[in-house]
Protein backbone atom coordinates (compact mmCIF):
# COMPACT_ATOMS: atom_id res chain seq x y z
CA MET A 1 -11.22 16.68 54.85
CA GLN A 2 -12.83 19.16 52.49
CA MET A 3 -9.73 19.13 50.28
CA LEU A 4 -9.70 15.33 50.21
CA GLU A 5 -13.35 15.23 49.16
CA ASN A 6 -12.65 17.74 46.40
CA GLU A 7 -9.73 15.65 45.12
CA VAL A 8 -11.84 12.49 45.16
CA ARG A 9 -14.65 14.29 43.34
CA ASP A 10 -12.24 15.64 40.74
CA LYS A 11 -10.74 12.20 40.16
CA ALA A 12 -14.18 10.65 39.84
CA SER A 13 -15.32 13.29 37.36
CA ALA A 14 -12.07 12.91 35.40
CA SER A 15 -12.47 9.14 35.23
CA ALA A 16 -16.09 9.48 34.25
CA SER A 17 -15.24 11.97 31.54
CA GLY A 18 -12.42 9.70 30.38
CA LEU A 19 -14.81 6.79 30.05
CA ALA A 20 -17.28 8.97 28.22
CA VAL A 21 -14.80 9.85 25.51
CA PRO A 22 -15.30 7.37 22.63
CA LEU A 23 -12.33 5.67 21.08
CA ARG A 24 -11.51 7.02 17.66
CA GLU A 25 -11.21 4.40 14.98
CA PHE A 26 -7.78 4.21 13.36
CA ASN A 27 -8.23 4.42 9.60
CA LEU A 28 -5.30 2.32 8.42
CA LEU A 29 -5.95 2.81 4.72
CA ARG A 30 -6.24 6.60 4.93
CA TRP A 31 -3.12 7.08 7.04
CA PHE A 32 -1.09 4.69 4.92
CA SER A 33 -2.19 6.31 1.66
CA VAL A 34 -1.17 9.77 2.89
CA ILE A 35 2.06 8.88 4.71
CA SER A 36 3.29 6.43 2.07
CA LEU A 37 2.51 8.94 -0.70
CA LEU A 38 4.61 11.59 1.05
CA ILE A 39 7.49 9.20 1.76
CA ILE A 40 7.54 7.63 -1.71
CA THR A 41 7.29 11.07 -3.34
CA ALA A 42 10.18 12.39 -1.24
CA VAL A 43 12.34 9.32 -1.88
CA ALA A 44 11.55 9.23 -5.60
CA GLY A 45 12.19 12.96 -5.95
CA GLY A 46 15.48 12.67 -4.07
CA LEU A 47 16.62 9.73 -6.17
CA GLY A 48 15.64 11.52 -9.38
CA TYR A 49 17.48 14.68 -8.36
CA VAL A 50 20.63 12.79 -7.32
CA SER A 51 20.56 10.74 -10.53
CA THR A 52 20.18 13.79 -12.77
CA ARG A 53 22.94 15.65 -10.98
CA PHE A 54 25.20 12.63 -11.34
CA VAL A 55 24.44 12.37 -15.05
CA VAL A 56 25.19 16.07 -15.63
CA ARG A 57 28.35 16.11 -13.53
CA ASP A 58 29.70 12.90 -15.01
CA SER A 59 28.92 14.02 -18.57
CA VAL A 60 30.56 17.42 -18.03
CA GLN A 61 33.66 15.87 -16.51
CA ARG A 62 33.87 13.37 -19.33
CA ASP A 63 33.59 16.10 -21.97
CA ALA A 64 36.17 18.24 -20.15
CA MET A 65 38.62 15.35 -19.98
CA LEU A 66 38.25 14.63 -23.69
CA THR A 67 38.66 18.32 -24.55
CA ALA A 68 41.80 18.61 -22.41
CA GLN A 69 43.31 15.50 -23.95
CA PHE A 70 42.53 16.80 -27.44
CA ILE A 71 44.10 20.24 -26.79
CA GLN A 72 47.24 18.77 -25.23
CA ALA A 73 47.63 16.20 -28.02
CA MET A 74 47.14 18.89 -30.65
CA ALA A 75 49.77 21.10 -28.98
CA GLN A 76 52.29 18.27 -28.99
CA ALA A 77 51.51 17.48 -32.64
CA GLU A 78 52.06 21.11 -33.72
CA VAL A 79 55.41 21.22 -31.93
CA ARG A 80 56.53 18.00 -33.61
CA HIS A 81 55.46 19.15 -37.07
CA SER A 82 57.40 22.43 -36.82
CA GLN A 83 61.18 22.80 -36.95
CA LEU A 84 61.48 23.54 -33.23
CA PRO A 85 64.31 21.92 -31.28
CA PRO A 86 63.52 18.91 -29.05
CA GLY A 87 62.25 19.72 -25.55
CA THR A 88 60.21 22.71 -26.64
CA THR A 89 56.55 22.77 -25.56
CA MET A 90 53.56 24.74 -26.77
CA GLY A 91 53.17 26.32 -23.33
CA GLU A 92 56.44 28.18 -23.84
CA LEU A 93 55.24 29.63 -27.18
CA LEU A 94 51.74 30.93 -26.34
CA ASP A 95 52.88 34.17 -24.69
CA PRO A 96 54.04 36.46 -27.56
CA ARG A 97 55.78 38.71 -25.04
CA LEU A 98 58.42 35.98 -24.58
CA ASP A 99 59.27 35.46 -28.27
CA GLN A 100 62.48 37.47 -28.01
CA GLN A 101 63.72 35.38 -25.08
CA HIS A 102 63.98 32.12 -27.02
CA LEU A 103 67.61 31.44 -28.00
CA GLN A 104 67.27 28.18 -29.95
CA PHE A 105 64.72 29.37 -32.55
CA THR A 106 63.57 32.59 -34.12
CA PRO A 107 60.51 34.63 -33.06
CA ALA A 108 59.00 34.08 -36.51
CA LEU A 109 59.09 30.31 -36.05
CA ALA A 110 57.53 30.61 -32.62
CA GLU A 111 54.81 32.87 -33.98
CA SER A 112 53.97 30.60 -36.92
CA THR A 113 53.72 27.57 -34.66
CA ARG A 114 51.56 29.49 -32.20
CA VAL A 115 49.24 30.81 -34.91
CA GLU A 116 48.77 27.33 -36.34
CA PHE A 117 47.82 25.92 -32.94
CA LEU A 118 45.47 28.79 -32.06
CA ASP A 119 43.75 28.46 -35.42
CA HIS A 120 42.83 24.87 -34.52
CA VAL A 121 41.61 26.03 -31.11
CA GLU A 122 39.49 28.77 -32.66
CA HIS A 123 37.72 26.36 -34.98
CA LEU A 124 36.84 23.75 -32.36
CA PRO A 125 33.16 22.69 -32.75
CA ASP A 126 30.53 24.13 -30.36
CA THR A 127 32.99 26.75 -29.05
CA LEU A 128 31.55 29.93 -27.52
CA LEU A 129 34.81 31.53 -26.41
CA ALA A 130 38.50 30.57 -26.19
CA ASN A 131 41.09 32.41 -24.08
CA VAL A 132 44.80 31.83 -23.47
CA TYR A 133 46.26 33.02 -20.13
CA ALA A 134 49.90 33.71 -19.40
CA ARG A 135 51.43 32.92 -16.02
CA ASP A 136 50.49 36.37 -14.68
CA ARG A 137 46.72 35.71 -15.48
CA THR A 138 46.82 38.06 -18.49
CA ILE A 139 44.80 37.10 -21.55
CA VAL A 140 47.36 36.93 -24.36
CA TRP A 141 44.94 35.59 -26.99
CA SER A 142 41.16 35.26 -27.31
CA THR A 143 38.53 34.68 -29.94
CA ASN A 144 37.01 37.92 -28.60
CA VAL A 145 39.65 40.54 -29.36
CA GLU A 146 38.20 42.87 -26.70
CA LEU A 147 39.54 40.57 -23.98
CA ILE A 148 43.16 40.49 -25.20
CA GLY A 149 45.46 42.23 -22.73
CA LYS A 150 43.07 42.08 -19.74
CA ARG A 151 44.33 40.65 -16.48
CA ILE A 152 41.91 38.47 -14.52
CA GLU A 153 42.53 38.80 -10.79
CA ALA A 154 39.65 37.14 -8.92
CA ASP A 155 38.89 33.84 -10.64
CA GLY A 156 38.86 30.90 -8.27
CA ASP A 157 38.68 28.26 -11.00
CA LEU A 158 41.64 29.81 -12.86
CA ASP A 159 43.75 30.00 -9.70
CA ARG A 160 42.84 26.43 -8.78
CA ALA A 161 43.84 25.21 -12.24
CA PHE A 162 47.25 26.91 -11.98
CA ARG A 163 47.83 25.52 -8.47
CA SER A 164 46.60 21.96 -9.07
CA ARG A 165 48.22 21.66 -12.52
CA LYS A 166 45.17 19.66 -13.57
CA ALA A 167 42.31 20.31 -15.93
CA VAL A 168 39.39 22.05 -14.21
CA SER A 169 35.83 22.17 -15.53
CA ALA A 170 32.53 23.75 -14.53
CA SER A 171 29.05 23.99 -16.02
CA TYR A 172 26.77 27.03 -16.20
CA HIS A 173 23.31 27.80 -17.48
CA LYS A 174 23.90 31.49 -18.11
CA ALA A 175 26.81 33.88 -18.20
CA GLU A 176 27.71 35.62 -14.95
CA ASP A 177 27.93 39.39 -15.14
CA ASP A 178 30.79 39.62 -12.62
CA ARG A 179 33.03 37.35 -14.71
CA GLU A 180 35.04 39.63 -16.99
CA GLU A 181 36.28 36.78 -19.15
CA GLN A 182 32.77 35.52 -20.02
CA LYS A 183 32.22 37.88 -22.95
CA PHE A 184 30.70 35.57 -25.54
CA LEU A 185 30.21 36.41 -29.19
CA ARG A 186 26.74 34.79 -28.94
CA GLU A 187 24.59 33.94 -25.93
CA PRO A 188 24.36 30.27 -24.92
CA ARG A 189 20.90 28.73 -25.27
CA TYR A 190 20.88 26.07 -22.56
CA LEU A 191 24.07 24.79 -20.95
CA PHE A 192 27.71 25.66 -21.53
CA ILE A 193 30.89 24.18 -20.10
CA GLU A 194 34.02 26.01 -18.96
CA ASN A 195 37.30 24.10 -19.36
CA TYR A 196 40.76 25.08 -18.11
CA ILE A 197 43.57 23.09 -19.81
CA PRO A 198 47.10 23.65 -18.45
CA LEU A 199 50.15 23.56 -20.77
CA PHE A 200 53.47 22.78 -19.06
CA ASP A 201 57.16 23.43 -19.65
CA SER A 202 59.59 20.83 -20.97
CA GLN A 203 59.98 19.22 -17.51
CA GLY A 204 56.19 18.99 -17.05
CA GLU A 205 56.31 20.63 -13.62
CA GLN A 206 55.47 24.30 -14.17
CA VAL A 207 52.35 25.63 -15.86
CA MET A 208 53.47 28.03 -18.59
CA ALA A 209 50.04 28.86 -20.06
CA MET A 210 46.37 28.08 -19.50
CA VAL A 211 43.86 27.52 -22.28
CA GLU A 212 40.25 28.38 -21.33
CA ILE A 213 37.50 27.07 -23.60
CA TYR A 214 33.76 27.70 -23.26
CA LYS A 215 31.72 25.09 -25.13
CA GLU A 216 28.06 24.51 -25.76
CA PRO A 217 28.08 20.84 -26.87
CA GLN A 218 24.74 20.32 -28.60
CA ASP A 219 25.04 16.54 -28.78
CA LEU A 220 25.92 16.31 -25.10
CA ILE A 221 23.01 18.58 -24.20
CA ARG A 222 20.58 16.38 -26.15
CA ARG A 223 21.92 13.32 -24.39
CA ILE A 224 21.54 14.99 -21.01
CA GLN A 225 17.95 15.96 -21.83
CA ARG A 226 17.15 12.40 -22.89
CA GLY A 227 18.73 11.22 -19.65
CA TYR A 228 16.48 13.63 -17.73
CA VAL A 229 13.38 12.25 -19.42
CA LEU A 230 14.42 8.64 -18.89
CA ILE A 231 15.39 9.12 -15.25
CA TRP A 232 12.26 11.03 -14.24
CA ALA A 233 9.94 8.78 -16.24
CA SER A 234 11.40 5.64 -14.66
CA THR A 235 11.30 7.31 -11.23
CA LEU A 236 7.64 8.25 -11.61
CA VAL A 237 6.63 4.84 -12.96
CA GLY A 238 8.61 3.01 -10.28
CA GLY A 239 7.21 5.18 -7.50
CA ALA A 240 3.67 4.72 -8.82
CA LEU A 241 4.09 0.94 -9.02
CA ILE A 242 5.47 0.79 -5.49
CA TYR A 243 2.73 3.04 -4.13
CA PHE A 244 -0.20 1.29 -5.80
CA GLY A 245 1.26 -2.15 -5.03
CA LEU A 246 1.58 -1.33 -1.34
CA PHE A 247 -1.79 0.43 -1.41
CA TRP A 248 -3.47 -2.71 -2.77
CA ILE A 249 -1.80 -4.88 -0.12
CA VAL A 250 -2.74 -2.53 2.73
CA ARG A 251 -6.26 -2.18 1.34
CA ARG A 252 -6.69 -5.94 1.46
CA ALA A 253 -5.20 -5.98 4.94
CA ALA A 254 -7.57 -3.21 6.07
CA GLN A 255 -10.54 -5.14 4.68
CA MET A 256 -9.42 -8.29 6.47
CA LEU A 257 -8.90 -6.36 9.72
CA HIS A 258 -12.37 -4.84 9.37
CA LEU A 259 -13.85 -8.28 8.71
CA GLN A 260 -12.00 -9.76 11.67
CA GLN A 261 -13.21 -6.89 13.82
CA ASP A 262 -16.80 -7.59 12.79
CA ARG A 263 -16.30 -11.28 13.53
CA LEU A 264 -14.80 -10.42 16.90
CA VAL A 265 -17.83 -8.29 17.74
CA ALA A 266 -20.11 -11.09 16.55
CA SER A 267 -18.17 -13.64 18.61
CA GLU A 268 -18.44 -11.48 21.71
CA THR A 269 -22.15 -11.08 21.06
CA TYR A 270 -22.56 -14.84 20.61
CA VAL A 271 -20.70 -15.44 23.87
CA ALA A 272 -22.99 -13.02 25.69
CA LEU A 273 -26.07 -14.60 24.10
CA GLY A 274 -24.76 -18.04 24.99
CA GLU A 275 -24.38 -17.06 28.62
CA MET A 276 -27.87 -15.57 28.62
CA SER A 277 -29.26 -18.66 26.91
CA SER A 278 -27.55 -20.90 29.44
CA ALA A 279 -29.02 -18.89 32.31
CA VAL A 280 -32.50 -18.98 30.75
CA ALA A 281 -32.20 -22.72 30.06
CA HIS A 282 -31.24 -23.42 33.67
CA SER A 283 -34.14 -21.27 34.83
CA LEU A 284 -36.59 -23.23 32.66
CA ARG A 285 -35.72 -26.64 34.05
CA ASN A 286 -37.48 -26.20 37.40
CA PRO A 287 -40.71 -24.74 35.93
CA LEU A 288 -40.81 -27.55 33.39
CA ALA A 289 -40.35 -30.13 36.13
CA ASN A 290 -43.17 -28.55 38.14
CA ILE A 291 -45.44 -28.51 35.09
CA ARG A 292 -44.76 -32.19 34.42
CA SER A 293 -45.36 -33.13 38.09
CA SER A 294 -48.60 -31.19 38.15
CA ALA A 295 -49.71 -32.80 34.88
CA GLU A 296 -48.95 -36.30 36.24
CA LEU A 297 -50.97 -35.59 39.39
CA ALA A 298 -53.82 -34.19 37.31
CA GLN A 299 -53.73 -37.23 35.07
CA ASP A 300 -54.65 -39.48 38.00
CA ILE A 301 -57.78 -37.53 38.88
CA ALA A 302 -58.82 -36.14 35.50
CA ASN A 303 -61.77 -37.46 33.54
CA PRO A 304 -61.15 -39.48 30.38
CA ALA A 305 -61.93 -36.48 28.16
CA ALA A 306 -59.04 -34.50 29.63
CA GLN A 307 -56.59 -37.39 29.64
CA LYS A 308 -55.58 -36.75 26.00
CA ASN A 309 -54.82 -33.07 26.66
CA ILE A 310 -52.81 -33.90 29.78
CA THR A 311 -50.85 -36.51 27.81
CA ASP A 312 -50.07 -33.86 25.17
CA ILE A 313 -48.88 -31.51 27.91
CA ILE A 314 -46.54 -34.15 29.32
CA SER A 315 -45.14 -35.01 25.86
CA GLN A 316 -44.57 -31.36 25.02
CA VAL A 317 -42.89 -30.76 28.38
CA ASP A 318 -40.65 -33.77 27.78
CA ARG A 319 -39.77 -32.46 24.34
CA MET A 320 -39.02 -29.01 25.71
CA SER A 321 -36.92 -30.50 28.50
CA ARG A 322 -34.97 -32.45 25.94
CA TRP A 323 -34.39 -29.25 23.97
CA VAL A 324 -33.19 -27.50 27.11
CA ARG A 325 -30.71 -30.30 27.73
CA ASP A 326 -29.56 -30.16 24.11
CA LEU A 327 -29.20 -26.39 24.41
CA LEU A 328 -27.03 -26.70 27.50
CA VAL A 329 -24.94 -29.35 25.79
CA SER A 330 -24.59 -27.25 22.63
CA LEU A 331 -23.36 -24.27 24.65
CA ARG A 332 -20.29 -26.19 25.69
CA PRO A 333 -17.05 -25.53 23.76
CA VAL A 334 -16.92 -27.61 20.59
CA SER A 335 -13.89 -29.11 18.98
CA ASP A 336 -12.39 -27.53 15.89
CA GLU A 337 -12.47 -30.76 13.91
CA ALA A 338 -15.60 -31.56 11.92
CA GLU A 339 -17.07 -35.03 11.67
CA ALA A 340 -19.41 -36.76 9.23
CA VAL A 341 -23.13 -36.47 10.06
CA ASP A 342 -26.02 -38.18 8.27
CA LEU A 343 -28.35 -35.36 7.25
CA VAL A 344 -31.18 -37.73 6.25
CA ALA A 345 -31.14 -39.34 9.70
CA ALA A 346 -31.30 -35.87 11.28
CA ILE A 347 -34.35 -35.07 9.14
CA GLU A 348 -36.03 -38.33 10.21
CA ASP A 349 -35.35 -37.60 13.88
CA THR A 350 -36.81 -34.13 13.48
CA TYR A 351 -39.90 -35.53 11.77
CA LEU A 352 -40.46 -38.07 14.56
CA ALA A 353 -40.12 -35.32 17.15
CA PHE A 354 -42.89 -33.28 15.52
CA ILE A 355 -45.08 -36.11 14.21
CA GLN A 356 -47.89 -35.57 16.73
CA GLN A 357 -48.06 -31.82 16.10
CA ILE A 358 -47.85 -32.35 12.34
CA GLU A 359 -50.64 -34.96 12.28
CA ARG A 360 -52.83 -32.93 14.61
CA ASN A 361 -52.60 -29.85 12.39
CA GLY A 362 -53.07 -31.81 9.18
CA VAL A 363 -49.68 -30.88 7.74
CA ARG A 364 -48.38 -33.13 5.00
CA PHE A 365 -44.73 -34.15 5.25
CA HIS A 366 -42.89 -35.29 2.15
CA PHE A 367 -39.17 -35.90 1.79
CA GLU A 368 -37.34 -36.39 -1.49
CA GLY A 369 -33.71 -37.33 -1.43
CA PRO A 370 -31.19 -40.14 -1.10
CA ASP A 371 -31.29 -42.74 1.63
CA ALA A 372 -28.22 -41.23 3.26
CA GLN A 373 -26.49 -37.88 2.87
CA TRP A 374 -23.28 -37.38 4.84
CA VAL A 375 -22.11 -33.83 5.51
CA ALA A 376 -19.23 -32.38 7.53
CA SER A 377 -20.45 -30.67 10.69
CA GLN A 378 -19.29 -29.75 14.17
CA PRO A 379 -20.30 -32.39 16.73
CA LEU A 380 -22.59 -31.13 19.52
CA GLN A 381 -22.67 -34.27 21.69
CA ALA A 382 -25.06 -37.18 21.24
CA HIS A 383 -27.50 -36.69 18.36
CA ALA A 384 -27.66 -32.89 18.67
CA ASP A 385 -25.95 -32.26 15.39
CA SER A 386 -25.48 -28.68 14.35
CA GLN A 387 -27.81 -29.18 11.40
CA GLN A 388 -30.64 -30.51 13.57
CA PRO A 389 -31.53 -27.23 15.34
CA VAL A 390 -32.10 -25.74 11.91
CA LEU A 391 -34.43 -28.56 10.96
CA GLN A 392 -36.21 -28.41 14.31
CA CYS A 393 -36.78 -24.69 13.94
CA PHE A 394 -38.13 -25.14 10.43
CA GLY A 395 -40.24 -28.14 11.44
CA SER A 396 -41.66 -26.34 14.43
CA HIS A 397 -42.93 -23.50 12.26
CA ALA A 398 -44.18 -25.88 9.58
CA GLY A 399 -46.03 -27.97 12.15
CA ARG A 400 -48.10 -24.99 13.23
CA ARG A 401 -49.40 -24.30 9.70
CA HIS A 402 -52.64 -25.68 8.26
CA ALA A 403 -53.08 -27.67 5.11
CA ASP A 404 -54.93 -24.78 3.47
CA CYS A 405 -52.00 -22.47 4.14
CA PRO A 406 -52.35 -20.26 1.02
CA GLY A 407 -55.59 -18.84 2.44
CA GLN A 408 -54.82 -18.74 6.17
CA CYS A 409 -51.12 -18.67 7.05
CA THR A 410 -48.91 -15.61 7.20
CA GLY A 411 -45.65 -17.19 6.07
CA TRP A 412 -42.39 -15.39 6.70
CA PRO A 413 -42.69 -11.61 6.47
CA ALA A 414 -40.73 -9.83 3.80
CA ARG A 415 -38.58 -8.08 6.41
CA ARG A 416 -37.56 -11.45 7.85
CA ILE A 417 -36.61 -12.78 4.44
CA ARG A 418 -34.21 -9.86 4.01
CA ALA A 419 -30.77 -10.22 5.52
CA HIS A 420 -30.43 -9.11 9.14
CA ARG A 421 -27.78 -9.44 11.75
CA HIS A 422 -27.87 -12.93 13.09
CA TRP A 423 -28.47 -12.08 16.74
CA GLN A 424 -31.23 -9.48 16.21
CA ARG A 425 -34.93 -10.18 16.31
CA HIS A 426 -37.32 -7.96 14.39
CA GLU A 427 -40.70 -9.70 14.79
CA PRO A 428 -42.56 -10.83 17.92
CA THR A 429 -44.04 -13.86 16.15
CA ALA A 430 -42.88 -16.84 14.15
CA GLY A 431 -39.20 -15.87 14.36
CA ALA A 432 -36.48 -18.02 12.87
CA ASP A 433 -33.56 -15.64 13.19
CA GLY A 434 -31.60 -18.34 14.98
CA VAL A 435 -31.57 -20.32 11.75
CA GLN A 436 -29.39 -17.72 10.12
CA ALA A 437 -27.06 -17.64 13.12
CA ILE A 438 -26.61 -21.42 13.14
CA LEU A 439 -26.08 -21.66 9.41
CA HIS A 440 -23.68 -18.71 9.44
CA ASP A 441 -21.68 -20.44 12.15
CA GLN A 442 -21.58 -23.56 9.95
CA ALA A 443 -20.45 -21.66 6.82
CA GLY A 444 -23.89 -21.76 5.19
CA TRP A 445 -26.97 -19.63 4.68
CA PRO A 446 -30.74 -20.13 4.26
CA ARG A 447 -33.15 -18.97 1.60
CA CYS A 448 -36.86 -19.00 2.36
CA ARG A 449 -39.57 -18.23 -0.18
CA PRO A 450 -41.93 -17.28 -1.61
CA GLY A 451 -43.32 -14.70 0.87
CA PRO A 452 -46.26 -13.58 3.00
CA GLY A 453 -49.49 -15.49 2.68
CA GLN A 454 -47.88 -18.60 1.27
CA ALA A 455 -46.38 -21.82 2.58
CA HIS A 456 -42.84 -22.25 3.88
CA HIS A 457 -40.28 -23.30 1.34
CA GLY A 458 -36.78 -23.40 2.79
CA THR A 459 -33.52 -24.00 1.00
CA PHE A 460 -30.28 -24.35 2.93
CA TRP A 461 -26.84 -24.07 1.38
CA ARG A 462 -23.66 -25.09 3.06
CA PHE A 463 -20.03 -25.56 1.97
CA GLY A 464 -17.91 -27.97 3.90
């Protein structure tokens, strides 16, 4: 039993502590601004990187293809222009160690043709280094004479070019120290391209020699740099437009959600006030009935001097009872559709309801306006138009003022003239906070001036 009581106590304390923890407000705008910034930055950076890599790779491959086509076409042209027999290729002539093995032409002819071709290769524009490899990976010619005669063993690109029998290219930003063949006469400044161009035998099946060319194409580099600037600028501008566009949309949505949340709180407050008002109105009906019954009994036995006061009591009780009935009717759910209401007629009804109080206090009533003024308003059953409670509230306060108001009345205090929440009451006397609530519910608002110590002057605006 003791264990059960402890468990129940623990559960109760846990539930109480859980209820005590306030709910944290979810800041939609802050979370979206941070998360979307990270996502858009990552996506934009990834797209920019992929685009730049594609531009560089495609440009390098394009330049390598053009270089290979040029070298192969130049080799064929040199063979045709010489007196070599048909079927001879430049690949068979580039290795000087094989000059004595040619039976159809002399070594001198082979050497002259080779020298003419290599002279064109040496004077290619933007060339850093040019090497010619024999089948055994030995450099048989180079623009750097220190490399002639060296055998390159571990070069994956060279081996792949011999095996695939296709042109192979690669791009570098600086020379690699472990590459023996990368001994440039001058250091590259930015980007250089390595091209392997195979030269075949007469059948086109076996690679007889491999031409390696290192180039630093200045025009291509400038184009790549311009592509970098264009890609990253467009990426940044596009990402910024997407981010700020979505940020503006979410900011508007957050403002609307905040406004709807405030309206929801106000609606819940109005519902609670309506239930309280309904309970108070029901509670007032019996006391009002008792007051009227007592006044009627007193009227039969009272002296003539008190008859007038008793009659005033009965009339005021009847008026208050009518207001209670109107209040109960107005608390019922209203339809969403507005109907036309004559505002002038509502003013006349309000004046007739307060005519005795107005005449008794010496208040002057004056109305300036058209004979009829129709406005759109929510129907509240019978003649209890939504505009009439506003007029009744204003007329009730005006009826209690004296004709010499500038010297005696208090008017509306300055704090009441300032905007408050519609359901709050800040003064114990002469309150008209309900006016703001009614007008706010009808898409309007009041303005009362001038201030303390002066007469009431109310102006009511409404759109609808």
